[in-house]
PDB file of N, CA and C in Angstrom:
ATOM      1  N   MET A   1     -17.686 -15.477  18.800  1.00  0.00           N
ATOM      2  CA  MET A   1     -17.693 -15.271  17.348  1.00  0.00           C
ATOM      3  C   MET A   1     -17.433 -13.723  17.066  1.00  0.00           C
ATOM      4  N   ALA A   2     -16.593 -13.518  16.152  1.00  0.00           N
ATOM      5  CA  ALA A   2     -16.256 -12.146  15.772  1.00  0.00           C
ATOM      6  C   ALA A   2     -17.374 -11.573  14.975  1.00  0.00           C
ATOM      7  N   SER A   3     -17.638 -10.267  15.167  1.00  0.00           N
ATOM      8  CA  SER A   3     -18.623  -9.509  14.441  1.00  0.00           C
ATOM      9  C   SER A   3     -17.998  -9.152  13.072  1.00  0.00           C
ATOM     10  N   GLN A   4     -18.871  -8.747  12.210  1.00  0.00           N
ATOM     11  CA  GLN A   4     -18.434  -8.378  10.878  1.00  0.00           C
ATOM     12  C   GLN A   4     -17.485  -7.107  10.860  1.00  0.00           C
ATOM     13  N   ALA A   5     -17.733  -6.261  11.818  1.00  0.00           N
ATOM     14  CA  ALA A   5     -16.870  -5.161  11.924  1.00  0.00           C
ATOM     15  C   ALA A   5     -15.463  -5.520  12.442  1.00  0.00           C
ATOM     16  N   GLU A   6     -15.388  -6.490  13.370  1.00  0.00           N
ATOM     17  CA  GLU A   6     -14.084  -6.982  13.797  1.00  0.00           C
ATOM     18  C   GLU A   6     -13.415  -7.641  12.674  1.00  0.00           C
ATOM     19  N   ASP A   7     -14.142  -8.440  11.881  1.00  0.00           N
ATOM     20  CA  ASP A   7     -13.533  -9.169  10.745  1.00  0.00           C
ATOM     21  C   ASP A   7     -12.861  -8.173   9.758  1.00  0.00           C
ATOM     22  N   LEU A   8     -13.604  -7.055   9.507  1.00  0.00           N
ATOM     23  CA  LEU A   8     -13.126  -6.015   8.551  1.00  0.00           C
ATOM     24  C   LEU A   8     -11.929  -5.380   9.219  1.00  0.00           C
ATOM     25  N   GLU A   9     -11.977  -5.079  10.408  1.00  0.00           N
ATOM     26  CA  GLU A   9     -10.797  -4.442  11.051  1.00  0.00           C
ATOM     27  C   GLU A   9      -9.595  -5.287  11.009  1.00  0.00           C
ATOM     28  N   ALA A  10      -9.847  -6.637  11.308  1.00  0.00           N
ATOM     29  CA  ALA A  10      -8.664  -7.586  11.242  1.00  0.00           C
ATOM     30  C   ALA A  10      -8.094  -7.666   9.775  1.00  0.00           C
ATOM     31  N   GLU A  11      -9.034  -7.669   8.769  1.00  0.00           N
ATOM     32  CA  GLU A  11      -8.482  -7.743   7.389  1.00  0.00           C
ATOM     33  C   GLU A  11      -7.737  -6.442   7.085  1.00  0.00           C
ATOM     34  N   ALA A  12      -8.222  -5.245   7.429  1.00  0.00           N
ATOM     35  CA  ALA A  12      -7.480  -4.003   7.168  1.00  0.00           C
ATOM     36  C   ALA A  12      -6.068  -4.001   7.865  1.00  0.00           C
ATOM     37  N   ALA A  13      -6.027  -4.623   9.084  1.00  0.00           N
ATOM     38  CA  ALA A  13      -4.771  -4.618   9.748  1.00  0.00           C
ATOM     39  C   ALA A  13      -3.743  -5.566   9.073  1.00  0.00           C
ATOM     40  N   GLU A  14      -4.340  -6.711   8.528  1.00  0.00           N
ATOM     41  CA  GLU A  14      -3.442  -7.595   7.774  1.00  0.00           C
ATOM     42  C   GLU A  14      -2.964  -6.923   6.537  1.00  0.00           C
ATOM     43  N   GLN A  15      -3.835  -6.261   5.852  1.00  0.00           N
ATOM     44  CA  GLN A  15      -3.481  -5.551   4.527  1.00  0.00           C
ATOM     45  C   GLN A  15      -2.383  -4.551   4.796  1.00  0.00           C
ATOM     46  N   TRP A  16      -2.543  -3.831   5.947  1.00  0.00           N
ATOM     47  CA  TRP A  16      -1.589  -2.758   6.269  1.00  0.00           C
ATOM     48  C   TRP A  16      -0.181  -3.369   6.469  1.00  0.00           C
ATOM     49  N   GLN A  17      -0.165  -4.579   7.091  1.00  0.00           N
ATOM     50  CA  GLN A  17       1.156  -5.301   7.309  1.00  0.00           C
ATOM     51  C   GLN A  17       1.675  -5.590   5.929  1.00  0.00           C
ATOM     52  N   LEU A  18       0.825  -6.036   5.014  1.00  0.00           N
ATOM     53  CA  LEU A  18       1.251  -6.490   3.746  1.00  0.00           C
ATOM     54  C   LEU A  18       1.853  -5.267   2.888  1.00  0.00           C
ATOM     55  N   VAL A  19       1.109  -4.178   2.897  1.00  0.00           N
ATOM     56  CA  VAL A  19       1.500  -3.015   2.017  1.00  0.00           C
ATOM     57  C   VAL A  19       2.880  -2.506   2.602  1.00  0.00           C
ATOM     58  N   ASN A  20       3.210  -2.851   3.840  1.00  0.00           N
ATOM     59  CA  ASN A  20       4.478  -2.455   4.430  1.00  0.00           C
ATOM     60  C   ASN A  20       5.562  -3.624   4.496  1.00  0.00           C
ATOM     61  N   THR A  21       5.283  -4.628   3.641  1.00  0.00           N
ATOM     62  CA  THR A  21       6.241  -5.716   3.478  1.00  0.00           C
ATOM     63  C   THR A  21       7.666  -5.136   3.279  1.00  0.00           C
ATOM     64  N   PRO A  22       8.658  -5.642   3.953  1.00  0.00           N
ATOM     65  CA  PRO A  22      10.054  -5.109   3.713  1.00  0.00           C
ATOM     66  C   PRO A  22      10.516  -5.263   2.263  1.00  0.00           C
ATOM     67  N   LEU A  23      11.340  -4.189   1.808  1.00  0.00           N
ATOM     68  CA  LEU A  23      11.849  -4.244   0.510  1.00  0.00           C
ATOM     69  C   LEU A  23      12.924  -5.484   0.428  1.00  0.00           C
ATOM     70  N   GLY A  24      12.913  -5.981  -0.776  1.00  0.00           N
ATOM     71  CA  GLY A  24      13.903  -6.993  -1.064  1.00  0.00           C
ATOM     72  C   GLY A  24      13.481  -8.407  -0.890  1.00  0.00           C
ATOM     73  N   GLU A  25      12.417  -8.610  -0.151  1.00  0.00           N
ATOM     74  CA  GLU A  25      11.929  -9.980   0.035  1.00  0.00           C
ATOM     75  C   GLU A  25      11.359 -10.529  -1.219  1.00  0.00           C
ATOM     76  N   MET A  26      11.511 -11.784  -1.575  1.00  0.00           N
ATOM     77  CA  MET A  26      10.972 -12.353  -2.714  1.00  0.00           C
ATOM     78  C   MET A  26       9.412 -12.145  -2.813  1.00  0.00           C
ATOM     79  N   TRP A  27       8.985 -11.600  -3.915  1.00  0.00           N
ATOM     80  CA  TRP A  27       7.563 -11.323  -4.222  1.00  0.00           C
ATOM     81  C   TRP A  27       7.029 -10.101  -3.346  1.00  0.00           C
ATOM     82  N   SER A  28       7.881  -9.353  -2.718  1.00  0.00           N
ATOM     83  CA  SER A  28       7.425  -8.253  -1.838  1.00  0.00           C
ATOM     84  C   SER A  28       6.750  -7.163  -2.708  1.00  0.00           C
ATOM     85  N   GLY A  29       7.265  -6.888  -3.847  1.00  0.00           N
ATOM     86  CA  GLY A  29       6.674  -5.929  -4.664  1.00  0.00           C
ATOM     87  C   GLY A  29       5.217  -6.259  -5.109  1.00  0.00           C
ATOM     88  N   ARG A  30       5.014  -7.480  -5.415  1.00  0.00           N
ATOM     89  CA  ARG A  30       3.653  -7.941  -5.733  1.00  0.00           C
ATOM     90  C   ARG A  30       2.768  -7.913  -4.581  1.00  0.00           C
ATOM     91  N   THR A  31       3.337  -8.320  -3.425  1.00  0.00           N
ATOM     92  CA  THR A  31       2.537  -8.414  -2.151  1.00  0.00           C
ATOM     93  C   THR A  31       2.114  -6.907  -1.802  1.00  0.00           C
ATOM     94  N   ARG A  32       3.027  -5.947  -1.924  1.00  0.00           N
ATOM     95  CA  ARG A  32       2.633  -4.567  -1.622  1.00  0.00           C
ATOM     96  C   ARG A  32       1.554  -3.995  -2.639  1.00  0.00           C
ATOM     97  N   TYR A  33       1.648  -4.437  -3.922  1.00  0.00           N
ATOM     98  CA  TYR A  33       0.638  -4.077  -4.913  1.00  0.00           C
ATOM     99  C   TYR A  33      -0.648  -4.599  -4.677  1.00  0.00           C
ATOM    100  N   ALA A  34      -0.750  -5.891  -4.198  1.00  0.00           N
ATOM    101  CA  ALA A  34      -2.089  -6.523  -3.987  1.00  0.00           C
ATOM    102  C   ALA A  34      -2.631  -5.834  -2.677  1.00  0.00           C
ATOM    103  N   ALA A  35      -1.905  -5.497  -1.712  1.00  0.00           N
ATOM    104  CA  ALA A  35      -2.364  -4.832  -0.573  1.00  0.00           C
ATOM    105  C   ALA A  35      -2.848  -3.386  -0.927  1.00  0.00           C
ATOM    106  N   ALA A  36      -2.038  -2.690  -1.713  1.00  0.00           N
ATOM    107  CA  ALA A  36      -2.409  -1.367  -2.260  1.00  0.00           C
ATOM    108  C   ALA A  36      -3.788  -1.424  -2.980  1.00  0.00           C
ATOM    109  N   MET A  37      -4.010  -2.517  -3.756  1.00  0.00           N
ATOM    110  CA  MET A  37      -5.306  -2.634  -4.476  1.00  0.00           C
ATOM    111  C   MET A  37      -6.441  -2.714  -3.492  1.00  0.00           C
ATOM    112  N   TYR A  38      -6.258  -3.425  -2.312  1.00  0.00           N
ATOM    113  CA  TYR A  38      -7.247  -3.466  -1.308  1.00  0.00           C
ATOM    114  C   TYR A  38      -7.593  -2.058  -0.833  1.00  0.00           C
ATOM    115  N   PHE A  39      -6.629  -1.210  -0.553  1.00  0.00           N
ATOM    116  CA  PHE A  39      -6.814   0.142  -0.034  1.00  0.00           C
ATOM    117  C   PHE A  39      -7.494   0.954  -1.158  1.00  0.00           C
ATOM    118  N   PHE A  40      -7.079   0.819  -2.357  1.00  0.00           N
ATOM    119  CA  PHE A  40      -7.652   1.490  -3.504  1.00  0.00           C
ATOM    120  C   PHE A  40      -9.176   1.185  -3.634  1.00  0.00           C
ATOM    121  N   LYS A  41      -9.482  -0.129  -3.497  1.00  0.00           N
ATOM    122  CA  LYS A  41     -10.895  -0.520  -3.562  1.00  0.00           C
ATOM    123  C   LYS A  41     -11.714   0.045  -2.499  1.00  0.00           C
ATOM    124  N   ARG A  42     -11.054   0.307  -1.311  1.00  0.00           N
ATOM    125  CA  ARG A  42     -11.858   0.961  -0.239  1.00  0.00           C
ATOM    126  C   ARG A  42     -11.789   2.472  -0.314  1.00  0.00           C
ATOM    127  N   SER A  43     -11.337   3.038  -1.323  1.00  0.00           N
ATOM    128  CA  SER A  43     -11.193   4.446  -1.599  1.00  0.00           C
ATOM    129  C   SER A  43     -10.317   5.165  -0.624  1.00  0.00           C
ATOM    130  N   GLU A  44      -9.292   4.387  -0.197  1.00  0.00           N
ATOM    131  CA  GLU A  44      -8.329   4.974   0.835  1.00  0.00           C
ATOM    132  C   GLU A  44      -6.983   5.304   0.110  1.00  0.00           C
ATOM    133  N   MET A  45      -6.981   5.102  -1.299  1.00  0.00           N
ATOM    134  CA  MET A  45      -5.698   5.351  -2.058  1.00  0.00           C
ATOM    135  C   MET A  45      -6.242   5.811  -3.411  1.00  0.00           C
ATOM    136  N   ASN A  46      -5.672   6.850  -3.956  1.00  0.00           N
ATOM    137  CA  ASN A  46      -6.080   7.220  -5.262  1.00  0.00           C
ATOM    138  C   ASN A  46      -5.476   6.415  -6.407  1.00  0.00           C
ATOM    139  N   ALA A  47      -5.894   6.523  -7.669  1.00  0.00           N
ATOM    140  CA  ALA A  47      -5.432   5.787  -8.770  1.00  0.00           C
ATOM    141  C   ALA A  47      -3.933   5.981  -9.084  1.00  0.00           C
ATOM    142  N   GLU A  48      -3.538   7.259  -8.935  1.00  0.00           N
ATOM    143  CA  GLU A  48      -2.164   7.569  -9.302  1.00  0.00           C
ATOM    144  C   GLU A  48      -1.196   6.938  -8.305  1.00  0.00           C
ATOM    145  N   THR A  49      -1.544   6.787  -7.050  1.00  0.00           N
ATOM    146  CA  THR A  49      -0.643   6.108  -6.126  1.00  0.00           C
ATOM    147  C   THR A  49      -0.649   4.628  -6.354  1.00  0.00           C
ATOM    148  N   LEU A  50      -1.837   4.070  -6.725  1.00  0.00           N
ATOM    149  CA  LEU A  50      -1.900   2.707  -7.008  1.00  0.00           C
ATOM    150  C   LEU A  50      -1.028   2.291  -8.226  1.00  0.00           C
ATOM    151  N   GLU A  51      -1.035   3.167  -9.188  1.00  0.00           N
ATOM    152  CA  GLU A  51      -0.180   3.001 -10.306  1.00  0.00           C
ATOM    153  C   GLU A  51       1.285   2.891  -9.960  1.00  0.00           C
ATOM    154  N   VAL A  52       1.733   3.577  -9.050  1.00  0.00           N
ATOM    155  CA  VAL A  52       3.153   3.520  -8.670  1.00  0.00           C
ATOM    156  C   VAL A  52       3.341   2.145  -8.045  1.00  0.00           C
ATOM    157  N   TYR A  53       2.492   1.651  -7.228  1.00  0.00           N
ATOM    158  CA  TYR A  53       2.565   0.305  -6.614  1.00  0.00           C
ATOM    159  C   TYR A  53       2.561  -0.731  -7.725  1.00  0.00           C
ATOM    160  N   ARG A  54       1.755  -0.444  -8.779  1.00  0.00           N
ATOM    161  CA  ARG A  54       1.762  -1.420  -9.963  1.00  0.00           C
ATOM    162  C   ARG A  54       3.092  -1.534 -10.644  1.00  0.00           C
ATOM    163  N   ILE A  55       3.584  -0.257 -10.867  1.00  0.00           N
ATOM    164  CA  ILE A  55       4.960  -0.225 -11.539  1.00  0.00           C
ATOM    165  C   ILE A  55       6.022  -0.866 -10.745  1.00  0.00           C
ATOM    166  N   CYS A  56       6.019  -0.810  -9.393  1.00  0.00           N
ATOM    167  CA  CYS A  56       6.953  -1.368  -8.549  1.00  0.00           C
ATOM    168  C   CYS A  56       6.711  -2.896  -8.250  1.00  0.00           C
ATOM    169  N   ALA A  57       5.531  -3.410  -8.726  1.00  0.00           N
ATOM    170  CA  ALA A  57       5.196  -4.727  -8.339  1.00  0.00           C
ATOM    171  C   ALA A  57       6.216  -5.865  -8.682  1.00  0.00           C
ATOM    172  N   ARG A  58       6.980  -5.610  -9.788  1.00  0.00           N
ATOM    173  CA  ARG A  58       7.939  -6.628 -10.162  1.00  0.00           C
ATOM    174  C   ARG A  58       9.294  -6.219  -9.728  1.00  0.00           C
ATOM    175  N   LEU A  59       9.378  -5.215  -8.947  1.00  0.00           N
ATOM    176  CA  LEU A  59      10.714  -4.757  -8.492  1.00  0.00           C
ATOM    177  C   LEU A  59      10.837  -4.836  -6.978  1.00  0.00           C
ATOM    178  N   ASP A  60      11.125  -5.978  -6.463  1.00  0.00           N
ATOM    179  CA  ASP A  60      11.083  -6.195  -4.966  1.00  0.00           C
ATOM    180  C   ASP A  60      11.972  -5.270  -4.143  1.00  0.00           C
ATOM    181  N   HIS A  61      12.953  -4.623  -4.781  1.00  0.00           N
ATOM    182  CA  HIS A  61      13.806  -3.791  -4.051  1.00  0.00           C
ATOM    183  C   HIS A  61      13.443  -2.374  -4.143  1.00  0.00           C
ATOM    184  N   GLU A  62      12.480  -2.018  -4.956  1.00  0.00           N
ATOM    185  CA  GLU A  62      11.974  -0.667  -5.228  1.00  0.00           C
ATOM    186  C   GLU A  62      11.075  -0.124  -4.224  1.00  0.00           C
ATOM    187  N   ASP A  63      11.352   0.930  -3.576  1.00  0.00           N
ATOM    188  CA  ASP A  63      10.430   1.534  -2.546  1.00  0.00           C
ATOM    189  C   ASP A  63       9.500   2.496  -3.321  1.00  0.00           C
ATOM    190  N   PRO A  64       8.151   2.219  -3.284  1.00  0.00           N
ATOM    191  CA  PRO A  64       7.292   3.164  -3.979  1.00  0.00           C
ATOM    192  C   PRO A  64       7.076   4.425  -3.301  1.00  0.00           C
ATOM    193  N   VAL A  65       7.404   4.647  -2.091  1.00  0.00           N
ATOM    194  CA  VAL A  65       7.174   5.880  -1.349  1.00  0.00           C
ATOM    195  C   VAL A  65       7.915   7.132  -1.973  1.00  0.00           C
ATOM    196  N   PRO A  66       9.209   6.964  -2.264  1.00  0.00           N
ATOM    197  CA  PRO A  66       9.862   8.122  -2.939  1.00  0.00           C
ATOM    198  C   PRO A  66       9.361   8.412  -4.263  1.00  0.00           C
ATOM    199  N   ILE A  67       8.821   7.464  -4.958  1.00  0.00           N
ATOM    200  CA  ILE A  67       8.312   7.653  -6.396  1.00  0.00           C
ATOM    201  C   ILE A  67       6.910   8.422  -6.202  1.00  0.00           C
ATOM    202  N   ILE A  68       6.183   8.018  -5.227  1.00  0.00           N
ATOM    203  CA  ILE A  68       4.927   8.690  -5.016  1.00  0.00           C
ATOM    204  C   ILE A  68       5.170  10.139  -4.627  1.00  0.00           C
ATOM    205  N   ARG A  69       6.165  10.397  -3.756  1.00  0.00           N
ATOM    206  CA  ARG A  69       6.529  11.743  -3.400  1.00  0.00           C
ATOM    207  C   ARG A  69       6.972  12.515  -4.628  1.00  0.00           C
ATOM    208  N   ASP A  70       7.964  11.908  -5.339  1.00  0.00           N
ATOM    209  CA  ASP A  70       8.452  12.594  -6.563  1.00  0.00           C
ATOM    210  C   ASP A  70       7.326  13.053  -7.540  1.00  0.00           C
ATOM    211  N   ARG A  71       6.400  12.193  -7.723  1.00  0.00           N
ATOM    212  CA  ARG A  71       5.261  12.407  -8.726  1.00  0.00           C
ATOM    213  C   ARG A  71       4.259  13.465  -8.149  1.00  0.00           C
ATOM    214  N   GLY A  72       4.320  13.683  -6.855  1.00  0.00           N
ATOM    215  CA  GLY A  72       3.343  14.655  -6.211  1.00  0.00           C
ATOM    216  C   GLY A  72       1.976  14.032  -6.154  1.00  0.00           C
ATOM    217  N   VAL A  73       1.837  12.766  -6.043  1.00  0.00           N
ATOM    218  CA  VAL A  73       0.583  12.153  -5.868  1.00  0.00           C
ATOM    219  C   VAL A  73       0.453  11.487  -4.530  1.00  0.00           C
ATOM    220  N   GLY A  74      -0.785  11.190  -4.077  1.00  0.00           N
ATOM    221  CA  GLY A  74      -0.879  10.358  -2.840  1.00  0.00           C
ATOM    222  C   GLY A  74      -0.402  11.070  -1.652  1.00  0.00           C
ATOM    223  N   LYS A  75      -0.680  12.401  -1.458  1.00  0.00           N
ATOM    224  CA  LYS A  75      -0.274  13.077  -0.253  1.00  0.00           C
ATOM    225  C   LYS A  75      -0.915  12.606   0.955  1.00  0.00           C
ATOM    226  N   ASP A  76      -2.237  12.229   0.905  1.00  0.00           N
ATOM    227  CA  ASP A  76      -2.860  11.526   1.995  1.00  0.00           C
ATOM    228  C   ASP A  76      -2.362  10.226   2.366  1.00  0.00           C
ATOM    229  N   TRP A  77      -1.985   9.529   1.249  1.00  0.00           N
ATOM    230  CA  TRP A  77      -1.362   8.163   1.483  1.00  0.00           C
ATOM    231  C   TRP A  77      -0.042   8.283   2.181  1.00  0.00           C
ATOM    232  N   LEU A  78       0.778   9.222   1.801  1.00  0.00           N
ATOM    233  CA  LEU A  78       2.117   9.413   2.386  1.00  0.00           C
ATOM    234  C   LEU A  78       1.925   9.850   3.824  1.00  0.00           C
ATOM    235  N   LYS A  79       0.934  10.625   4.064  1.00  0.00           N
ATOM    236  CA  LYS A  79       0.646  11.035   5.535  1.00  0.00           C
ATOM    237  C   LYS A  79       0.331   9.763   6.301  1.00  0.00           C
ATOM    238  N   ARG A  80      -0.488   9.025   5.728  1.00  0.00           N
ATOM    239  CA  ARG A  80      -0.971   7.673   6.469  1.00  0.00           C
ATOM    240  C   ARG A  80       0.271   6.780   6.794  1.00  0.00           C
ATOM    241  N   MET A  81       1.146   6.748   5.779  1.00  0.00           N
ATOM    242  CA  MET A  81       2.341   5.875   5.840  1.00  0.00           C
ATOM    243  C   MET A  81       3.327   6.494   6.795  1.00  0.00           C
ATOM    244  N   GLY A  82       3.183   7.772   7.263  1.00  0.00           N
ATOM    245  CA  GLY A  82       4.092   8.415   8.186  1.00  0.00           C
ATOM    246  C   GLY A  82       5.137   9.273   7.515  1.00  0.00           C
ATOM    247  N   TYR A  83       4.923   9.544   6.203  1.00  0.00           N
ATOM    248  CA  TYR A  83       5.868  10.373   5.450  1.00  0.00           C
ATOM    249  C   TYR A  83       5.395  11.697   5.042  1.00  0.00           C
ATOM    250  N   ALA A  84       4.606  12.236   6.002  1.00  0.00           N
ATOM    251  CA  ALA A  84       4.069  13.616   5.701  1.00  0.00           C
ATOM    252  C   ALA A  84       5.213  14.602   5.486  1.00  0.00           C
ATOM    253  N   GLN A  85       4.998  15.504   4.493  1.00  0.00           N
ATOM    254  CA  GLN A  85       6.063  16.500   4.210  1.00  0.00           C
ATOM    255  C   GLN A  85       5.823  17.778   4.921  1.00  0.00           C
TER     256      GLN A  85
END
């Protein structure tokens, strides 16, 4: 039986995969936004970064990362995503 910590770790890993859903897949923008909300609720993403994911939610082909970078928000999130400047 998995411990609560293991369950939380597995959930975080699943959400990480979802926030990295490839661009262009049907409903991928909404999937990324839902996963971003998970990280926001855990205080791992700020509100400004979450807002970019919200804006991109209906745009399956739109990459939120350049928008986050252009707005100058979410520097910690960009670093976590591997896009540190």
